[in-house]
C-alpha atoms as a PDB file:
ATOM      1  CA  MET A   1      52.785 -38.521  12.469  1.00  0.00           C
ATOM      2  CA  ALA A   2      50.045 -36.045  13.492  1.00  0.00           C
ATOM      3  CA  ARG A   3      49.968 -32.720  11.753  1.00  0.00           C
ATOM      4  CA  SER A   4      51.247 -29.777  13.751  1.00  0.00           C
ATOM      5  CA  GLN A   5      48.627 -27.347  15.056  1.00  0.00           C
ATOM      6  CA  ASP A   6      50.937 -24.419  14.352  1.00  0.00           C
ATOM      7  CA  ARG A   7      49.364 -22.597  11.358  1.00  0.00           C
ATOM      8  CA  ARG A   8      52.101 -20.004  10.955  1.00  0.00           C
ATOM      9  CA  PRO A   9      53.381 -19.710   7.390  1.00  0.00           C
ATOM     10  CA  GLY A  10      57.005 -20.056   8.522  1.00  0.00           C
ATOM     11  CA  TYR A  11      59.478 -18.321   6.299  1.00  0.00           C
ATOM     12  CA  SER A  12      57.330 -18.411   3.115  1.00  0.00           C
ATOM     13  CA  ARG A  13      56.847 -14.819   1.961  1.00  0.00           C
ATOM     14  CA  ARG A  14      54.063 -15.807  -0.372  1.00  0.00           C
ATOM     15  CA  ALA A  15      52.075 -17.293   2.522  1.00  0.00           C
ATOM     16  CA  GLN A  16      52.771 -14.269   4.668  1.00  0.00           C
ATOM     17  CA  TYR A  17      51.610 -11.894   1.923  1.00  0.00           C
ATOM     18  CA  GLY A  18      48.492 -13.978   1.374  1.00  0.00           C
ATOM     19  CA  ILE A  19      47.493 -13.844   5.044  1.00  0.00           C
ATOM     20  CA  PHE A  20      48.261 -10.108   5.209  1.00  0.00           C
ATOM     21  CA  THR A  21      46.143  -9.460   2.081  1.00  0.00           C
ATOM     22  CA  GLY A  22      43.263 -11.467   3.566  1.00  0.00           C
ATOM     23  CA  TYR A  23      43.299  -9.369   6.730  1.00  0.00           C
ATOM     24  CA  VAL A  24      43.367  -6.115   4.727  1.00  0.00           C
ATOM     25  CA  ILE A  25      40.442  -7.202   2.529  1.00  0.00           C
ATOM     26  CA  ALA A  26      38.428  -8.250   5.610  1.00  0.00           C
ATOM     27  CA  LEU A  27      39.158  -4.948   7.350  1.00  0.00           C
ATOM     28  CA  LEU A  28      38.148  -2.947   4.235  1.00  0.00           C
ATOM     29  CA  GLY A  29      34.909  -4.955   4.017  1.00  0.00           C
ATOM     30  CA  VAL A  30      34.070  -4.160   7.635  1.00  0.00           C
ATOM     31  CA  VAL A  31      34.812  -0.455   7.115  1.00  0.00           C
ATOM     32  CA  ALA A  32      32.726  -0.315   3.922  1.00  0.00           C
ATOM     33  CA  GLY A  33      29.837  -2.068   5.671  1.00  0.00           C
ATOM     34  CA  VAL A  34      29.947   0.432   8.572  1.00  0.00           C
ATOM     35  CA  ILE A  35      29.993   3.354   6.135  1.00  0.00           C
ATOM     36  CA  VAL A  36      27.020   1.993   4.182  1.00  0.00           C
ATOM     37  CA  LEU A  37      25.091   1.383   7.427  1.00  0.00           C
ATOM     38  CA  VAL A  38      25.764   4.941   8.691  1.00  0.00           C
ATOM     39  CA  VAL A  39      24.796   6.521   5.369  1.00  0.00           C
ATOM     40  CA  SER A  40      21.551   4.488   5.171  1.00  0.00           C
ATOM     41  CA  LEU A  41      20.605   5.602   8.685  1.00  0.00           C
ATOM     42  CA  ILE A  42      21.383   9.292   8.063  1.00  0.00           C
ATOM     43  CA  ASN A  43      19.999   9.481   4.535  1.00  0.00           C
ATOM     44  CA  PRO A  44      17.614   6.603   3.657  1.00  0.00           C
ATOM     45  CA  ASP A  45      17.155   7.939   0.109  1.00  0.00           C
ATOM     46  CA  ALA A  46      20.861   7.670  -0.729  1.00  0.00           C
ATOM     47  CA  PHE A  47      20.512   4.135  -2.037  1.00  0.00           C
ATOM     48  CA  SER A  48      17.166   4.512  -3.754  1.00  0.00           C
ATOM     49  CA  PHE A  49      18.823   3.972  -7.145  1.00  0.00           C
ATOM     50  CA  ALA A  50      20.354   0.688  -5.966  1.00  0.00           C
ATOM     51  CA  ARG A  51      17.004  -0.477  -4.516  1.00  0.00           C
ATOM     52  CA  SER A  52      15.227   0.443  -7.763  1.00  0.00           C
ATOM     53  CA  SER A  53      17.823  -1.432  -9.809  1.00  0.00           C
ATOM     54  CA  ALA A  54      17.511  -4.498  -7.590  1.00  0.00           C
ATOM     55  CA  ALA A  55      13.709  -4.336  -7.914  1.00  0.00           C
ATOM     56  CA  GLU A  56      13.986  -4.150 -11.684  1.00  0.00           C
ATOM     57  CA  ILE A  57      16.276  -7.207 -11.748  1.00  0.00           C
ATOM     58  CA  ALA A  58      13.958  -9.157  -9.412  1.00  0.00           C
ATOM     59  CA  ARG A  59      10.802  -8.125 -11.284  1.00  0.00           C
ATOM     60  CA  PRO A  60      10.427 -11.319 -13.404  1.00  0.00           C
ATOM     61  CA  MET A  61      10.951 -13.543 -10.360  1.00  0.00           C
ATOM     62  CA  GLY A  62       8.479 -11.454  -8.330  1.00  0.00           C
ATOM     63  CA  GLN A  63       5.833 -11.779 -11.045  1.00  0.00           C
ATOM     64  CA  ALA A  64       6.356 -15.532 -11.189  1.00  0.00           C
ATOM     65  CA  ASN A  65       6.067 -15.809  -7.400  1.00  0.00           C
ATOM     66  CA  ALA A  66       2.883 -13.754  -7.401  1.00  0.00           C
ATOM     67  CA  LYS A  67       1.307 -15.951 -10.048  1.00  0.00           C
ATOM     68  CA  GLY A  68       2.391 -19.081  -8.184  1.00  0.00           C
ATOM     69  CA  ARG A  69       0.999 -17.733  -4.915  1.00  0.00           C
ATOM     70  CA  ALA A  70      -2.328 -16.916  -6.589  1.00  0.00           C
ATOM     71  CA  THR A  71      -2.466 -20.386  -8.151  1.00  0.00           C
ATOM     72  CA  GLY A  72      -1.719 -22.062  -4.812  1.00  0.00           C
ATOM     73  CA  GLN A  73      -4.380 -20.018  -3.040  1.00  0.00           C
ATOM     74  CA  SER A  74      -6.950 -20.919  -5.709  1.00  0.00           C
ATOM     75  CA  VAL A  75      -6.130 -24.669  -5.393  1.00  0.00           C
ATOM     76  CA  PHE A  76      -6.456 -24.677  -1.615  1.00  0.00           C
ATOM     77  CA  GLY A  77      -9.579 -22.560  -1.901  1.00  0.00           C
ATOM     78  CA  ALA A  78     -11.109 -25.052  -4.302  1.00  0.00           C
ATOM     79  CA  ILE A  79     -10.347 -27.959  -1.939  1.00  0.00           C
ATOM     80  CA  GLY A  80     -11.862 -26.071   1.027  1.00  0.00           C
ATOM     81  CA  ALA A  81     -14.922 -25.105  -0.998  1.00  0.00           C
ATOM     82  CA  TYR A  82     -15.477 -28.727  -1.915  1.00  0.00           C
ATOM     83  CA  PHE A  83     -15.660 -29.833   1.723  1.00  0.00           C
ATOM     84  CA  ASN A  84     -17.745 -26.778   2.796  1.00  0.00           C
ATOM     85  CA  ALA A  85     -20.111 -26.739  -0.185  1.00  0.00           C
ATOM     86  CA  GLY A  86     -23.279 -27.308   1.857  1.00  0.00           C
ATOM     87  CA  ARG A  87     -22.621 -24.570   4.370  1.00  0.00           C
ATOM     88  CA  GLN A  88     -21.466 -22.186   1.688  1.00  0.00           C
ATOM     89  CA  ASN A  89     -24.577 -22.839  -0.350  1.00  0.00           C
ATOM     90  CA  ALA A  90     -26.819 -21.915   2.584  1.00  0.00           C
ATOM     91  CA  ASP A  91     -24.765 -18.801   3.319  1.00  0.00           C
ATOM     92  CA  LEU A  92     -24.971 -17.727  -0.304  1.00  0.00           C
ATOM     93  CA  ARG A  93     -28.733 -18.151  -0.336  1.00  0.00           C
ATOM     94  CA  ARG A  94     -29.032 -15.853   2.698  1.00  0.00           C
ATOM     95  CA  GLU A  95     -26.664 -13.322   1.117  1.00  0.00           C
ATOM     96  CA  VAL A  96     -28.612 -13.358  -2.124  1.00  0.00           C
ATOM     97  CA  ASP A  97     -31.899 -12.673  -0.281  1.00  0.00           C
ATOM     98  CA  ALA A  98     -30.271  -9.822   1.666  1.00  0.00           C
ATOM     99  CA  ALA A  99     -28.713  -8.436  -1.534  1.00  0.00           C
ATOM    100  CA  ARG A 100     -32.052  -8.375  -3.279  1.00  0.00           C
ATOM    101  CA  ALA A 101     -33.587  -6.383  -0.447  1.00  0.00           C
ATOM    102  CA  ASN A 102     -30.644  -3.974  -0.439  1.00  0.00           C
ATOM    103  CA  ALA A 103     -30.740  -3.604  -4.208  1.00  0.00           C
ATOM    104  CA  VAL A 104     -34.278  -2.258  -4.035  1.00  0.00           C
ATOM    105  CA  SER A 105     -33.276   0.305  -1.410  1.00  0.00           C
ATOM    106  CA  MET A 106     -30.097   1.272  -3.277  1.00  0.00           C
ATOM    107  CA  GLN A 107     -31.972   1.751  -6.535  1.00  0.00           C
ATOM    108  CA  SER A 108     -34.406   4.144  -4.895  1.00  0.00           C
ATOM    109  CA  LEU A 109     -31.512   6.109  -3.324  1.00  0.00           C
ATOM    110  CA  GLN A 110     -29.692   6.275  -6.669  1.00  0.00           C
ATOM    111  CA  ASP A 111     -32.801   7.553  -8.398  1.00  0.00           C
ATOM    112  CA  GLU A 112     -33.290  10.256  -5.765  1.00  0.00           C
ATOM    113  CA  ASN A 113     -29.615  11.284  -5.926  1.00  0.00           C
ATOM    114  CA  ARG A 114     -29.808  11.509  -9.696  1.00  0.00           C
ATOM    115  CA  ARG A 115     -32.809  13.809  -9.471  1.00  0.00           C
ATOM    116  CA  LEU A 116     -31.140  15.994  -6.820  1.00  0.00           C
ATOM    117  CA  LYS A 117     -27.916  16.267  -8.796  1.00  0.00           C
ATOM    118  CA  ALA A 118     -29.869  17.204 -11.907  1.00  0.00           C
ATOM    119  CA  LEU A 119     -31.570  19.998  -9.960  1.00  0.00           C
ATOM    120  CA  LEU A 120     -28.273  21.254  -8.464  1.00  0.00           C
ATOM    121  CA  GLY A 121     -26.141  20.789 -11.561  1.00  0.00           C
ATOM    122  CA  ILE A 122     -23.602  18.632  -9.713  1.00  0.00           C
ATOM    123  CA  VAL A 123     -21.488  16.111 -11.598  1.00  0.00           C
ATOM    124  CA  ASP A 124     -19.136  13.665  -9.857  1.00  0.00           C
ATOM    125  CA  PRO A 125     -16.007  13.314 -12.012  1.00  0.00           C
ATOM    126  CA  ALA A 126     -14.798   9.702 -12.124  1.00  0.00           C
ATOM    127  CA  ARG A 127     -11.337   9.049 -10.755  1.00  0.00           C
ATOM    128  CA  LYS A 128      -9.248   7.666 -13.598  1.00  0.00           C
ATOM    129  CA  PRO A 129      -6.547   5.220 -12.373  1.00  0.00           C
ATOM    130  CA  VAL A 130      -2.992   5.606 -13.639  1.00  0.00           C
ATOM    131  CA  ALA A 131      -2.426   1.830 -13.876  1.00  0.00           C
ATOM    132  CA  THR A 132      -3.712  -1.520 -12.736  1.00  0.00           C
ATOM    133  CA  VAL A 133      -0.684  -3.610 -11.681  1.00  0.00           C
ATOM    134  CA  HIS A 134       0.570  -6.709  -9.936  1.00  0.00           C
ATOM    135  CA  LEU A 135       1.622  -6.563  -6.305  1.00  0.00           C
ATOM    136  CA  ILE A 136       4.758  -8.692  -6.795  1.00  0.00           C
ATOM    137  CA  GLY A 137       6.234  -8.600  -3.299  1.00  0.00           C
ATOM    138  CA  SER A 138       5.831  -7.222   0.210  1.00  0.00           C
ATOM    139  CA  THR A 139       7.625  -7.447   3.563  1.00  0.00           C
ATOM    140  CA  SER A 140       5.929  -9.674   6.122  1.00  0.00           C
ATOM    141  CA  SER A 141       8.246  -9.802   9.157  1.00  0.00           C
ATOM    142  CA  SER A 142      10.294  -6.579   9.087  1.00  0.00           C
ATOM    143  CA  THR A 143       9.632  -3.595  11.314  1.00  0.00           C
ATOM    144  CA  ARG A 144       9.309  -1.553   8.105  1.00  0.00           C
ATOM    145  CA  ARG A 145       6.499  -2.436   5.689  1.00  0.00           C
ATOM    146  CA  PHE A 146       7.031  -2.013   1.943  1.00  0.00           C
ATOM    147  CA  ALA A 147       5.707  -3.572  -1.224  1.00  0.00           C
ATOM    148  CA  VAL A 148       6.804  -3.652  -4.866  1.00  0.00           C
ATOM    149  CA  ILE A 149       4.515  -3.235  -7.898  1.00  0.00           C
ATOM    150  CA  ASP A 150       5.383  -4.016 -11.527  1.00  0.00           C
ATOM    151  CA  ALA A 151       4.778  -0.510 -12.916  1.00  0.00           C
ATOM    152  CA  GLY A 152       7.020   2.526 -12.807  1.00  0.00           C
ATOM    153  CA  SER A 153       7.762   5.817 -14.485  1.00  0.00           C
ATOM    154  CA  GLY A 154       7.283   4.187 -17.877  1.00  0.00           C
ATOM    155  CA  GLN A 155       3.579   3.633 -17.005  1.00  0.00           C
ATOM    156  CA  GLY A 156       3.079   7.124 -15.475  1.00  0.00           C
ATOM    157  CA  VAL A 157       3.585   6.204 -11.843  1.00  0.00           C
ATOM    158  CA  LYS A 158       5.082   8.948  -9.660  1.00  0.00           C
ATOM    159  CA  PRO A 159       6.123   9.238  -5.968  1.00  0.00           C
ATOM    160  CA  GLY A 160       3.177  10.137  -3.744  1.00  0.00           C
ATOM    161  CA  PHE A 161       0.528   8.361  -5.805  1.00  0.00           C
ATOM    162  CA  PRO A 162      -1.952   6.314  -3.688  1.00  0.00           C
ATOM    163  CA  VAL A 163      -2.144   2.571  -4.204  1.00  0.00           C
ATOM    164  CA  ARG A 164      -5.402   0.803  -3.410  1.00  0.00           C
ATOM    165  CA  ALA A 165      -7.136  -2.498  -3.833  1.00  0.00           C
ATOM    166  CA  ALA A 166     -10.811  -3.080  -4.532  1.00  0.00           C
ATOM    167  CA  SER A 167     -11.526  -3.280  -0.785  1.00  0.00           C
ATOM    168  CA  GLY A 168      -9.425  -0.406   0.452  1.00  0.00           C
ATOM    169  CA  LEU A 169      -6.174   1.520   0.718  1.00  0.00           C
ATOM    170  CA  ILE A 170      -2.809  -0.295   0.424  1.00  0.00           C
ATOM    171  CA  GLY A 171      -0.310   2.582   0.740  1.00  0.00           C
ATOM    172  CA  ARG A 172       1.498   5.176  -1.365  1.00  0.00           C
ATOM    173  CA  VAL A 173       4.371   5.143  -3.828  1.00  0.00           C
ATOM    174  CA  ILE A 174       7.706   6.394  -2.441  1.00  0.00           C
ATOM    175  CA  GLU A 175      10.271   5.297  -5.023  1.00  0.00           C
ATOM    176  CA  VAL A 176       9.909   4.775  -8.780  1.00  0.00           C
ATOM    177  CA  GLY A 177      12.009   2.876 -11.290  1.00  0.00           C
ATOM    178  CA  PRO A 178      11.458   2.423 -14.999  1.00  0.00           C
ATOM    179  CA  ASP A 179       9.112  -0.567 -14.628  1.00  0.00           C
ATOM    180  CA  THR A 180       8.766  -1.062 -10.835  1.00  0.00           C
ATOM    181  CA  ALA A 181       7.880   1.085  -7.860  1.00  0.00           C
ATOM    182  CA  ARG A 182       8.237   0.818  -4.095  1.00  0.00           C
ATOM    183  CA  VAL A 183       5.115   1.298  -1.963  1.00  0.00           C
ATOM    184  CA  LEU A 184       5.014   2.376   1.674  1.00  0.00           C
ATOM    185  CA  LEU A 185       2.208   0.304   3.176  1.00  0.00           C
ATOM    186  CA  VAL A 186      -0.396   1.578   5.577  1.00  0.00           C
ATOM    187  CA  THR A 187       1.024  -0.730   8.267  1.00  0.00           C
ATOM    188  CA  ASP A 188       4.427   1.023   8.196  1.00  0.00           C
ATOM    189  CA  PRO A 189       5.132   3.192  11.308  1.00  0.00           C
ATOM    190  CA  GLU A 190       6.201   6.115   9.079  1.00  0.00           C
ATOM    191  CA  ASN A 191       2.886   6.179   7.194  1.00  0.00           C
ATOM    192  CA  VAL A 192       0.171   8.385   8.734  1.00  0.00           C
ATOM    193  CA  VAL A 193      -3.205   8.442   6.920  1.00  0.00           C
ATOM    194  CA  PRO A 194      -5.844  11.087   7.789  1.00  0.00           C
ATOM    195  CA  VAL A 195      -9.218   9.367   8.138  1.00  0.00           C
ATOM    196  CA  ARG A 196     -12.754   9.988   9.291  1.00  0.00           C
ATOM    197  CA  ARG A 197     -15.482   7.663  10.566  1.00  0.00           C
ATOM    198  CA  SER A 198     -17.776   6.786   7.685  1.00  0.00           C
ATOM    199  CA  THR A 199     -20.999   7.320   9.672  1.00  0.00           C
ATOM    200  CA  ASP A 200     -20.478  10.775  11.184  1.00  0.00           C
ATOM    201  CA  GLY A 201     -17.093  12.103   9.917  1.00  0.00           C
ATOM    202  CA  LEU A 202     -15.290  11.763  13.300  1.00  0.00           C
ATOM    203  CA  ALA A 203     -11.706  12.927  12.554  1.00  0.00           C
ATOM    204  CA  ALA A 204      -8.766  10.626  13.290  1.00  0.00           C
ATOM    205  CA  PHE A 205      -5.612   9.231  11.746  1.00  0.00           C
ATOM    206  CA  VAL A 206      -4.342   5.735  11.128  1.00  0.00           C
ATOM    207  CA  GLN A 207      -0.726   4.851  11.814  1.00  0.00           C
ATOM    208  CA  GLY A 208       1.123   1.558  11.444  1.00  0.00           C
ATOM    209  CA  ALA A 209       2.914  -0.232  14.270  1.00  0.00           C
ATOM    210  CA  SER A 210       6.234  -2.092  14.165  1.00  0.00           C
ATOM    211  CA  ASN A 211       4.403  -5.431  14.482  1.00  0.00           C
ATOM    212  CA  GLY A 212       2.469  -4.922  11.264  1.00  0.00           C
ATOM    213  CA  ARG A 213      -0.824  -3.815  12.902  1.00  0.00           C
ATOM    214  CA  ILE A 214      -2.482  -0.428  12.790  1.00  0.00           C
ATOM    215  CA  ASP A 215      -3.695   2.043  15.391  1.00  0.00           C
ATOM    216  CA  ILE A 216      -6.630   4.468  15.015  1.00  0.00           C
ATOM    217  CA  ARG A 217      -6.049   7.641  17.030  1.00  0.00           C
ATOM    218  CA  LEU A 218      -8.538  10.450  17.497  1.00  0.00           C
ATOM    219  CA  ILE A 219      -7.537  14.039  16.810  1.00  0.00           C
ATOM    220  CA  ASN A 220      -9.790  15.448  19.525  1.00  0.00           C
ATOM    221  CA  MET A 221      -8.971  13.766  22.803  1.00  0.00           C
ATOM    222  CA  GLY A 222     -11.650  13.253  25.420  1.00  0.00           C
ATOM    223  CA  VAL A 223     -14.426  10.749  25.696  1.00  0.00           C
ATOM    224  CA  ASN A 224     -13.724   8.010  23.189  1.00  0.00           C
ATOM    225  CA  PRO A 225     -16.797   7.430  20.982  1.00  0.00           C
ATOM    226  CA  VAL A 226     -15.203   4.729  18.828  1.00  0.00           C
ATOM    227  CA  LYS A 227     -16.959   1.357  18.884  1.00  0.00           C
ATOM    228  CA  LYS A 228     -15.906  -2.056  17.620  1.00  0.00           C
ATOM    229  CA  GLY A 229     -16.803  -2.411  13.959  1.00  0.00           C
ATOM    230  CA  ASP A 230     -16.573   1.297  13.086  1.00  0.00           C
ATOM    231  CA  VAL A 231     -15.251   1.797   9.552  1.00  0.00           C
ATOM    232  CA  PHE A 232     -12.780   4.600   8.854  1.00  0.00           C
ATOM    233  CA  VAL A 233     -12.179   6.018   5.357  1.00  0.00           C
ATOM    234  CA  THR A 234      -9.704   8.538   3.975  1.00  0.00           C
ATOM    235  CA  SER A 235     -10.742  12.124   4.721  1.00  0.00           C
ATOM    236  CA  GLY A 236      -8.878  13.861   1.855  1.00  0.00           C
ATOM    237  CA  SER A 237      -6.916  16.056   4.274  1.00  0.00           C
ATOM    238  CA  GLY A 238      -3.386  16.767   3.138  1.00  0.00           C
ATOM    239  CA  GLY A 239      -4.202  16.492  -0.543  1.00  0.00           C
ATOM    240  CA  LEU A 240      -2.616  13.027  -0.944  1.00  0.00           C
ATOM    241  CA  TYR A 241      -5.324  10.375  -0.574  1.00  0.00           C
ATOM    242  CA  PRO A 242      -8.708  10.890  -2.241  1.00  0.00           C
ATOM    243  CA  PRO A 243     -11.588  10.934   0.254  1.00  0.00           C
ATOM    244  CA  GLY A 244     -13.806   7.951   0.805  1.00  0.00           C
ATOM    245  CA  ILE A 245     -11.323   5.054   0.399  1.00  0.00           C
ATOM    246  CA  PRO A 246     -11.792   2.442   3.193  1.00  0.00           C
ATOM    247  CA  VAL A 247      -8.685   2.165   5.376  1.00  0.00           C
ATOM    248  CA  ALA A 248      -9.433   0.367   8.655  1.00  0.00           C
ATOM    249  CA  VAL A 249     -12.065  -1.230  10.866  1.00  0.00           C
ATOM    250  CA  ALA A 250     -11.947  -0.709  14.623  1.00  0.00           C
ATOM    251  CA  THR A 251     -11.431  -3.927  16.589  1.00  0.00           C
ATOM    252  CA  ASP A 252     -10.358  -3.022  20.142  1.00  0.00           C
ATOM    253  CA  PRO A 253     -11.262   0.522  21.353  1.00  0.00           C
ATOM    254  CA  HIS A 254      -8.954   2.074  23.974  1.00  0.00           C
ATOM    255  CA  ARG A 255      -8.589   5.450  25.682  1.00  0.00           C
ATOM    256  CA  ASP A 256      -7.156   7.363  22.679  1.00  0.00           C
ATOM    257  CA  GLY A 257      -8.914   5.520  19.893  1.00  0.00           C
ATOM    258  CA  SER A 258      -8.741   1.887  18.871  1.00  0.00           C
ATOM    259  CA  THR A 259      -6.569  -0.775  17.370  1.00  0.00           C
ATOM    260  CA  GLY A 260      -7.864  -1.993  14.035  1.00  0.00           C
ATOM    261  CA  ARG A 261      -7.525  -4.244  11.075  1.00  0.00           C
ATOM    262  CA  LEU A 262      -6.919  -3.250   7.484  1.00  0.00           C
ATOM    263  CA  ALA A 263      -9.758  -2.946   5.078  1.00  0.00           C
ATOM    264  CA  ALA A 264      -7.406  -4.293   2.346  1.00  0.00           C
ATOM    265  CA  ASP A 265      -4.640  -6.743   3.298  1.00  0.00           C
ATOM    266  CA  PRO A 266      -1.735  -6.688   0.805  1.00  0.00           C
ATOM    267  CA  ALA A 267      -1.211 -10.421   1.299  1.00  0.00           C
ATOM    268  CA  ASN A 268      -4.702 -11.116  -0.046  1.00  0.00           C
ATOM    269  CA  ASN A 269      -4.527  -8.875  -3.137  1.00  0.00           C
ATOM    270  CA  GLU A 270      -2.710  -9.823  -6.292  1.00  0.00           C
ATOM    271  CA  PHE A 271      -3.816  -6.774  -8.330  1.00  0.00           C
ATOM    272  CA  VAL A 272      -3.858  -3.178  -7.128  1.00  0.00           C
ATOM    273  CA  ILE A 273      -4.708   0.187  -8.623  1.00  0.00           C
ATOM    274  CA  VAL A 274      -2.414   3.243  -8.740  1.00  0.00           C
ATOM    275  CA  GLU A 275      -4.283   6.546  -8.662  1.00  0.00           C
ATOM    276  CA  PRO A 276      -3.047  10.113  -8.981  1.00  0.00           C
ATOM    277  CA  SER A 277      -2.849  12.046  -5.730  1.00  0.00           C
ATOM    278  CA  TYR A 278      -5.972  13.893  -4.668  1.00  0.00           C
ATOM    279  CA  GLN A 279      -4.299  17.288  -5.085  1.00  0.00           C
ATOM    280  CA  ALA A 280      -3.213  16.397  -8.623  1.00  0.00           C
ATOM    281  CA  GLN A 281      -6.728  15.240  -9.445  1.00  0.00           C
ATOM    282  CA  ALA A 282      -8.252  18.435  -8.098  1.00  0.00           C
ATOM    283  CA  ALA A 283      -5.798  20.545 -10.158  1.00  0.00           C
ATOM    284  CA  ALA A 284      -6.587  18.583 -13.310  1.00  0.00           C
ATOM    285  CA  GLN A 285     -10.341  18.989 -12.702  1.00  0.00           C
ATOM    286  CA  LEU A 286      -9.946  22.745 -12.196  1.00  0.00           C
ATOM    287  CA  GLN A 287      -7.974  22.995 -15.443  1.00  0.00           C
ATOM    288  CA  GLN A 288     -10.664  21.019 -17.262  1.00  0.00           C
ATOM    289  CA  ILE A 289     -13.395  23.284 -15.870  1.00  0.00           C
ATOM    290  CA  ALA A 290     -11.377  26.337 -16.943  1.00  0.00           C
ATOM    291  CA  ARG A 291     -10.965  24.930 -20.442  1.00  0.00           C
ATOM    292  CA  ASP A 292     -14.684  24.103 -20.629  1.00  0.00           C
ATOM    293  CA  GLY A 293     -15.497  27.637 -19.482  1.00  0.00           C
ATOM    294  CA  GLU A 294     -13.211  29.183 -22.088  1.00  0.00           C
ATOM    295  CA  GLY A 295     -14.828  27.037 -24.799  1.00  0.00           C
ATOM    296  CA  THR A 296     -18.310  28.062 -23.674  1.00  0.00           C
ATOM    297  CA  ALA A 297     -17.308  31.740 -23.676  1.00  0.00           C
ATOM    298  CA  ALA A 298     -15.801  31.425 -27.150  1.00  0.00           C
ATOM    299  CA  GLU A 299     -19.018  29.871 -28.481  1.00  0.00           C
ATOM    300  CA  THR A 300     -21.236  32.554 -26.984  1.00  0.00           C
ATOM    301  CA  PRO A 301     -21.895  35.307 -29.592  1.00  0.00           C
END
């Protein structure tokens, strides 16, 4: 005999209470989800502790994934290099010849700069990084662009510190845990970076788009002088990013500026550097100069 399609519990109170309890739990779950969604939209920082805790828990897995990704890239790179060895050898020979010619010019410029600085008494203080860390994860398809590094407050990392790779700027720290930190990437729509053109100091700013790309917009509107291939570096305005860090290269000029590509792609960088903010560096340098001046005054009879 076929089973009846009637799923009512009949006169069993236990079955009735079970169904009622299931409905109540489901309703409470929906209400809790709506409350969490509303709070996250109104105050995004409300759950920063939960995100930091989750990042701390996922830190070992993220480090393992980063190492595995680096190993896989090196294996595929070795296979590709084997098949392209002849072409790469010719390219390397041309690059070596060009580098030798540039080295001579750079050496003469460095010697001249050293003499001029000696005459003017100018010393460029070296920027000391806070930490060199692994980039253990980053968003690749979301409208918001974040990354996670395996260093936090225990290593001296603080919110607002710039994060950069060898080739350019990655972003800035926005949340810090004991041993991890969350980085707002340059490609995020909420991140605006003041920049200037490296050749003539043309002022602009770089802002991320929801599709993961970046847009270079000029501050002074008018005739657009930006050309394809122009390099834009941080200007130092705002006191957050130190000046001179490569940020973007113009690829498609338009009326207000240009679309561009990143100087440093987070997906291609396993290690990154965390630096103190430019304002903090300037304050530390002023304090050091003041201490040196007090020491000199004390030594003077």
